[in-house]
Amino acid sequence: MYKINNSNVTVMVSDMNKSVDFYTKGLGLDLKQRWEDYYAMVAAPGVIIGLHPAQKVNERPNDISIGFSIDNLTQVEDRLKELKIKYERAEDGGGYYFNFKDPDGTPLYFMQLKEGNW
């Protein structure tokens, strides 16, 4: 049987520089590797997001999203406002959310749990 060493979620992007800057400088993810404008990998704890150039970026479905667990939504809200990123607040039994999109429309969210760990 084969062994899976790592995994990632790949997002198709229209502008590599803009997307790398959004995920690293904007959201604070770490740039793990970049192969010029062919592919880049950015990382948050527990997930690696691959950024891949697309000839055409289609409308993003809302049934898939990438989430980031945080401790303080106030700090995140300040950062989203600073970056002029539109977001929507939400709440459910598990926590509080800020839902937003990357420059190509990929659904993302920050979540502060009401209790427990993710």
N, C-alpha and C. Protein backbone atom coordinates (compact mmCIF):
# COMPACT_ATOMS: atom_id res chain seq x y z
N MET A 1 0.85 -1.18 0.00
CA MET A 1 0.00 0.00 0.00
C MET A 1 0.89 1.24 0.00
N TYR A 2 0.47 2.26 -0.71
CA TYR A 2 1.24 3.49 -0.77
C TYR A 2 1.04 4.33 0.49
N LYS A 3 1.93 5.28 0.70
CA LYS A 3 1.87 6.17 1.86
C LYS A 3 1.64 7.60 1.37
N ILE A 4 0.65 8.27 1.92
CA ILE A 4 0.42 9.68 1.60
C ILE A 4 1.28 10.51 2.55
N ASN A 5 2.16 11.32 1.98
CA ASN A 5 3.08 12.12 2.78
C ASN A 5 2.48 13.44 3.24
N ASN A 6 1.73 14.09 2.38
CA ASN A 6 1.13 15.39 2.67
C ASN A 6 -0.14 15.52 1.85
N SER A 7 -0.90 16.55 2.12
CA SER A 7 -2.09 16.84 1.30
C SER A 7 -2.31 18.34 1.29
N ASN A 8 -3.08 18.79 0.33
CA ASN A 8 -3.39 20.21 0.24
C ASN A 8 -4.71 20.40 -0.50
N VAL A 9 -5.24 21.59 -0.42
CA VAL A 9 -6.40 22.02 -1.18
C VAL A 9 -5.86 23.00 -2.22
N THR A 10 -6.19 22.80 -3.49
CA THR A 10 -5.71 23.69 -4.54
C THR A 10 -6.82 24.64 -4.98
N VAL A 11 -6.48 25.91 -5.05
CA VAL A 11 -7.40 26.95 -5.46
C VAL A 11 -6.89 27.54 -6.77
N MET A 12 -7.77 27.62 -7.76
CA MET A 12 -7.39 28.20 -9.04
C MET A 12 -7.48 29.73 -8.92
N VAL A 13 -6.44 30.42 -9.37
CA VAL A 13 -6.38 31.87 -9.20
C VAL A 13 -6.09 32.56 -10.53
N SER A 14 -6.52 33.80 -10.63
CA SER A 14 -6.31 34.54 -11.87
C SER A 14 -5.01 35.34 -11.87
N ASP A 15 -4.47 35.66 -10.70
CA ASP A 15 -3.25 36.46 -10.59
C ASP A 15 -2.42 35.92 -9.43
N MET A 16 -1.32 35.24 -9.75
CA MET A 16 -0.51 34.61 -8.70
C MET A 16 0.02 35.61 -7.69
N ASN A 17 0.58 36.71 -8.15
CA ASN A 17 1.15 37.68 -7.21
C ASN A 17 0.08 38.24 -6.27
N LYS A 18 -1.05 38.60 -6.82
CA LYS A 18 -2.14 39.14 -6.00
C LYS A 18 -2.62 38.10 -4.99
N SER A 19 -2.75 36.85 -5.42
CA SER A 19 -3.24 35.79 -4.53
C SER A 19 -2.22 35.44 -3.45
N VAL A 20 -0.95 35.34 -3.82
CA VAL A 20 0.09 35.05 -2.82
C VAL A 20 0.12 36.17 -1.78
N ASP A 21 0.05 37.41 -2.24
CA ASP A 21 0.02 38.54 -1.30
C ASP A 21 -1.21 38.50 -0.41
N PHE A 22 -2.37 38.18 -0.96
CA PHE A 22 -3.61 38.11 -0.18
C PHE A 22 -3.48 37.09 0.95
N TYR A 23 -3.03 35.88 0.62
CA TYR A 23 -2.96 34.82 1.62
C TYR A 23 -1.81 35.01 2.61
N THR A 24 -0.69 35.59 2.16
CA THR A 24 0.45 35.74 3.07
C THR A 24 0.42 37.08 3.80
N LYS A 25 0.53 38.17 3.07
CA LYS A 25 0.55 39.49 3.70
C LYS A 25 -0.81 39.87 4.28
N GLY A 26 -1.87 39.50 3.59
CA GLY A 26 -3.20 39.85 4.05
C GLY A 26 -3.68 39.00 5.21
N LEU A 27 -3.72 37.67 5.01
CA LEU A 27 -4.26 36.77 6.03
C LEU A 27 -3.21 36.24 6.99
N GLY A 28 -1.93 36.37 6.65
CA GLY A 28 -0.88 35.93 7.56
C GLY A 28 -0.46 34.48 7.42
N LEU A 29 -0.83 33.80 6.33
CA LEU A 29 -0.38 32.43 6.11
C LEU A 29 1.09 32.45 5.70
N ASP A 30 1.77 31.32 5.88
CA ASP A 30 3.18 31.22 5.53
C ASP A 30 3.35 30.72 4.10
N LEU A 31 4.22 31.36 3.34
CA LEU A 31 4.57 30.88 2.01
C LEU A 31 5.53 29.72 2.18
N LYS A 32 5.09 28.50 1.82
CA LYS A 32 5.93 27.31 1.97
C LYS A 32 6.87 27.15 0.78
N GLN A 33 6.33 27.38 -0.41
CA GLN A 33 7.11 27.16 -1.63
C GLN A 33 6.42 27.90 -2.76
N ARG A 34 7.21 28.41 -3.69
CA ARG A 34 6.64 29.02 -4.88
C ARG A 34 7.51 28.67 -6.07
N TRP A 35 6.88 28.20 -7.11
CA TRP A 35 7.54 27.86 -8.35
C TRP A 35 7.12 28.91 -9.37
N GLU A 36 7.75 30.07 -9.28
CA GLU A 36 7.47 31.21 -10.15
C GLU A 36 5.96 31.43 -10.25
N ASP A 37 5.42 31.47 -11.46
CA ASP A 37 3.97 31.66 -11.62
C ASP A 37 3.26 30.35 -11.95
N TYR A 38 3.91 29.22 -11.65
CA TYR A 38 3.31 27.92 -11.94
C TYR A 38 2.49 27.37 -10.78
N TYR A 39 2.96 27.63 -9.56
CA TYR A 39 2.27 27.07 -8.39
C TYR A 39 2.89 27.65 -7.13
N ALA A 40 2.08 27.81 -6.11
CA ALA A 40 2.59 28.26 -4.81
C ALA A 40 1.85 27.50 -3.73
N MET A 41 2.51 27.32 -2.60
CA MET A 41 1.88 26.66 -1.46
C MET A 41 1.96 27.59 -0.26
N VAL A 42 0.80 27.88 0.33
CA VAL A 42 0.73 28.69 1.54
C VAL A 42 0.15 27.81 2.64
N ALA A 43 0.56 28.06 3.87
CA ALA A 43 0.17 27.15 4.95
C ALA A 43 -0.37 27.91 6.16
N ALA A 44 -1.40 27.30 6.74
CA ALA A 44 -1.93 27.67 8.04
C ALA A 44 -1.85 26.39 8.87
N PRO A 45 -1.93 26.47 10.18
CA PRO A 45 -1.88 25.24 10.96
C PRO A 45 -2.94 24.23 10.48
N GLY A 46 -2.47 23.07 10.07
CA GLY A 46 -3.39 22.00 9.69
C GLY A 46 -3.83 21.96 8.24
N VAL A 47 -3.44 22.95 7.43
CA VAL A 47 -3.86 22.94 6.03
C VAL A 47 -2.81 23.65 5.16
N ILE A 48 -2.60 23.09 3.99
CA ILE A 48 -1.78 23.73 2.97
C ILE A 48 -2.71 24.04 1.81
N ILE A 49 -2.63 25.27 1.34
CA ILE A 49 -3.44 25.70 0.20
C ILE A 49 -2.51 25.89 -0.98
N GLY A 50 -2.79 25.18 -2.04
CA GLY A 50 -2.03 25.35 -3.27
C GLY A 50 -2.69 26.41 -4.13
N LEU A 51 -1.91 27.31 -4.67
CA LEU A 51 -2.43 28.34 -5.57
C LEU A 51 -1.94 28.02 -6.97
N HIS A 52 -2.88 27.84 -7.88
CA HIS A 52 -2.55 27.40 -9.23
C HIS A 52 -3.16 28.38 -10.23
N PRO A 53 -2.36 28.84 -11.19
CA PRO A 53 -2.91 29.77 -12.17
C PRO A 53 -3.95 29.08 -13.05
N ALA A 54 -5.00 29.82 -13.35
CA ALA A 54 -6.07 29.29 -14.18
C ALA A 54 -6.23 30.17 -15.40
N GLN A 55 -6.54 29.56 -16.53
CA GLN A 55 -6.81 30.36 -17.72
C GLN A 55 -8.13 31.09 -17.57
N LYS A 56 -9.06 30.44 -16.88
CA LYS A 56 -10.36 31.05 -16.63
C LYS A 56 -10.79 30.64 -15.23
N VAL A 57 -11.13 31.60 -14.42
CA VAL A 57 -11.60 31.32 -13.07
C VAL A 57 -13.11 31.41 -13.09
N ASN A 58 -13.76 30.29 -12.79
CA ASN A 58 -15.21 30.23 -12.82
C ASN A 58 -15.81 30.75 -11.52
N GLU A 59 -17.11 30.99 -11.56
CA GLU A 59 -17.83 31.36 -10.34
C GLU A 59 -17.62 30.27 -9.30
N ARG A 60 -17.28 30.66 -8.10
CA ARG A 60 -17.00 29.71 -7.04
C ARG A 60 -18.29 29.17 -6.43
N PRO A 61 -18.35 27.88 -6.22
CA PRO A 61 -19.53 27.33 -5.53
C PRO A 61 -19.48 27.68 -4.05
N ASN A 62 -20.63 27.76 -3.44
CA ASN A 62 -20.69 28.07 -2.01
C ASN A 62 -20.76 26.82 -1.15
N ASP A 63 -20.65 25.64 -1.76
CA ASP A 63 -20.72 24.42 -0.97
C ASP A 63 -19.35 23.94 -0.50
N ILE A 64 -18.31 24.69 -0.83
CA ILE A 64 -16.96 24.38 -0.36
C ILE A 64 -16.37 25.69 0.17
N SER A 65 -15.72 25.62 1.32
CA SER A 65 -15.05 26.80 1.86
C SER A 65 -13.83 26.36 2.64
N ILE A 66 -12.94 27.30 2.90
CA ILE A 66 -11.74 27.04 3.68
C ILE A 66 -11.85 27.88 4.95
N GLY A 67 -11.72 27.22 6.11
CA GLY A 67 -11.89 27.91 7.37
C GLY A 67 -10.63 27.96 8.20
N PHE A 68 -10.54 29.02 9.01
CA PHE A 68 -9.40 29.23 9.90
C PHE A 68 -9.94 29.51 11.30
N SER A 69 -9.57 28.67 12.25
CA SER A 69 -9.99 28.86 13.65
C SER A 69 -9.09 29.89 14.31
N ILE A 70 -9.70 30.82 15.03
CA ILE A 70 -8.95 31.88 15.69
C ILE A 70 -9.47 32.07 17.11
N ASP A 71 -8.73 32.83 17.92
CA ASP A 71 -9.13 33.09 19.30
C ASP A 71 -9.85 34.42 19.48
N ASN A 72 -9.64 35.36 18.55
CA ASN A 72 -10.14 36.70 18.76
C ASN A 72 -10.70 37.29 17.47
N LEU A 73 -12.02 37.31 17.33
CA LEU A 73 -12.63 37.84 16.12
C LEU A 73 -12.43 39.35 15.99
N THR A 74 -12.28 40.05 17.08
CA THR A 74 -12.10 41.50 17.02
C THR A 74 -10.84 41.85 16.24
N GLN A 75 -9.75 41.13 16.49
CA GLN A 75 -8.51 41.38 15.76
C GLN A 75 -8.67 41.07 14.28
N VAL A 76 -9.38 39.99 13.98
CA VAL A 76 -9.61 39.61 12.59
C VAL A 76 -10.48 40.66 11.90
N GLU A 77 -11.51 41.12 12.59
CA GLU A 77 -12.38 42.14 12.00
C GLU A 77 -11.58 43.40 11.68
N ASP A 78 -10.70 43.80 12.58
CA ASP A 78 -9.86 44.97 12.32
C ASP A 78 -9.01 44.76 11.07
N ARG A 79 -8.46 43.57 10.92
CA ARG A 79 -7.61 43.27 9.76
C ARG A 79 -8.42 43.25 8.47
N LEU A 80 -9.60 42.63 8.48
CA LEU A 80 -10.44 42.59 7.29
C LEU A 80 -10.84 44.01 6.87
N LYS A 81 -11.16 44.85 7.84
CA LYS A 81 -11.51 46.24 7.54
C LYS A 81 -10.31 46.98 6.95
N GLU A 82 -9.14 46.75 7.53
CA GLU A 82 -7.92 47.37 7.03
C GLU A 82 -7.65 47.00 5.58
N LEU A 83 -7.92 45.74 5.24
CA LEU A 83 -7.71 45.25 3.88
C LEU A 83 -8.88 45.56 2.96
N LYS A 84 -9.94 46.16 3.51
CA LYS A 84 -11.16 46.50 2.76
C LYS A 84 -11.80 45.26 2.14
N ILE A 85 -11.80 44.17 2.92
CA ILE A 85 -12.43 42.92 2.49
C ILE A 85 -13.84 42.88 3.06
N LYS A 86 -14.81 42.70 2.19
CA LYS A 86 -16.20 42.60 2.63
C LYS A 86 -16.40 41.25 3.30
N TYR A 87 -17.14 41.25 4.40
CA TYR A 87 -17.39 40.01 5.13
C TYR A 87 -18.79 40.06 5.72
N GLU A 88 -19.28 38.88 6.06
CA GLU A 88 -20.57 38.77 6.72
C GLU A 88 -20.36 38.05 8.04
N ARG A 89 -21.03 38.54 9.07
CA ARG A 89 -21.00 37.88 10.38
C ARG A 89 -22.05 36.78 10.40
N ALA A 90 -21.73 35.72 11.11
CA ALA A 90 -22.69 34.63 11.29
C ALA A 90 -22.42 33.98 12.64
N GLU A 91 -23.42 33.26 13.12
CA GLU A 91 -23.29 32.55 14.39
C GLU A 91 -24.15 31.31 14.31
N ASP A 92 -23.64 30.23 14.89
CA ASP A 92 -24.44 29.03 15.06
C ASP A 92 -24.08 28.42 16.40
N GLY A 93 -24.53 27.21 16.66
CA GLY A 93 -24.27 26.56 17.95
C GLY A 93 -22.80 26.35 18.25
N GLY A 94 -21.97 26.28 17.22
CA GLY A 94 -20.55 26.01 17.42
C GLY A 94 -19.68 27.24 17.59
N GLY A 95 -20.09 28.35 17.00
CA GLY A 95 -19.22 29.50 17.09
C GLY A 95 -19.70 30.72 16.34
N TYR A 96 -18.77 31.67 16.23
CA TYR A 96 -19.01 32.94 15.56
C TYR A 96 -18.11 32.98 14.32
N TYR A 97 -18.63 33.52 13.22
CA TYR A 97 -17.93 33.46 11.94
C TYR A 97 -17.85 34.82 11.27
N PHE A 98 -16.79 34.99 10.50
CA PHE A 98 -16.70 36.05 9.51
C PHE A 98 -16.49 35.34 8.18
N ASN A 99 -17.47 35.40 7.31
CA ASN A 99 -17.41 34.78 5.99
C ASN A 99 -16.98 35.84 4.98
N PHE A 100 -16.02 35.49 4.12
CA PHE A 100 -15.51 36.42 3.11
C PHE A 100 -14.97 35.63 1.94
N LYS A 101 -14.44 36.30 0.94
CA LYS A 101 -13.92 35.62 -0.25
C LYS A 101 -12.54 36.14 -0.60
N ASP A 102 -11.77 35.27 -1.25
CA ASP A 102 -10.46 35.70 -1.73
C ASP A 102 -10.64 36.51 -3.01
N PRO A 103 -9.57 37.03 -3.61
CA PRO A 103 -9.73 37.87 -4.81
C PRO A 103 -10.43 37.19 -5.98
N ASP A 104 -10.44 35.85 -6.03
CA ASP A 104 -11.10 35.14 -7.11
C ASP A 104 -12.46 34.56 -6.71
N GLY A 105 -12.93 34.89 -5.51
CA GLY A 105 -14.26 34.46 -5.10
C GLY A 105 -14.32 33.16 -4.32
N THR A 106 -13.19 32.58 -3.94
CA THR A 106 -13.19 31.35 -3.15
C THR A 106 -13.71 31.67 -1.74
N PRO A 107 -14.75 30.97 -1.28
CA PRO A 107 -15.29 31.23 0.06
C PRO A 107 -14.32 30.83 1.17
N LEU A 108 -14.09 31.77 2.10
CA LEU A 108 -13.22 31.57 3.25
C LEU A 108 -13.96 32.03 4.49
N TYR A 109 -13.51 31.56 5.65
CA TYR A 109 -14.09 32.08 6.89
C TYR A 109 -13.11 31.96 8.04
N PHE A 110 -13.25 32.90 8.98
CA PHE A 110 -12.60 32.82 10.27
C PHE A 110 -13.67 32.42 11.27
N MET A 111 -13.32 31.56 12.23
CA MET A 111 -14.28 31.08 13.21
C MET A 111 -13.69 31.15 14.61
N GLN A 112 -14.47 31.69 15.53
CA GLN A 112 -14.12 31.64 16.94
C GLN A 112 -15.11 30.69 17.61
N LEU A 113 -14.59 29.59 18.14
CA LEU A 113 -15.45 28.59 18.77
C LEU A 113 -16.08 29.14 20.04
N LYS A 114 -17.29 28.69 20.32
CA LYS A 114 -17.94 29.08 21.57
C LYS A 114 -17.30 28.35 22.74
N GLU A 115 -16.91 27.09 22.53
CA GLU A 115 -16.21 26.33 23.57
C GLU A 115 -15.50 25.14 22.93
N GLY A 116 -14.52 24.61 23.60
CA GLY A 116 -13.80 23.44 23.10
C GLY A 116 -12.74 23.81 22.08
N ASN A 117 -12.22 22.80 21.42
CA ASN A 117 -11.17 22.95 20.42
C ASN A 117 -11.64 22.43 19.08
N TRP A 118 -11.05 22.93 18.06
CA TRP A 118 -11.34 22.52 16.69
C TRP A 118 -10.59 21.25 16.42
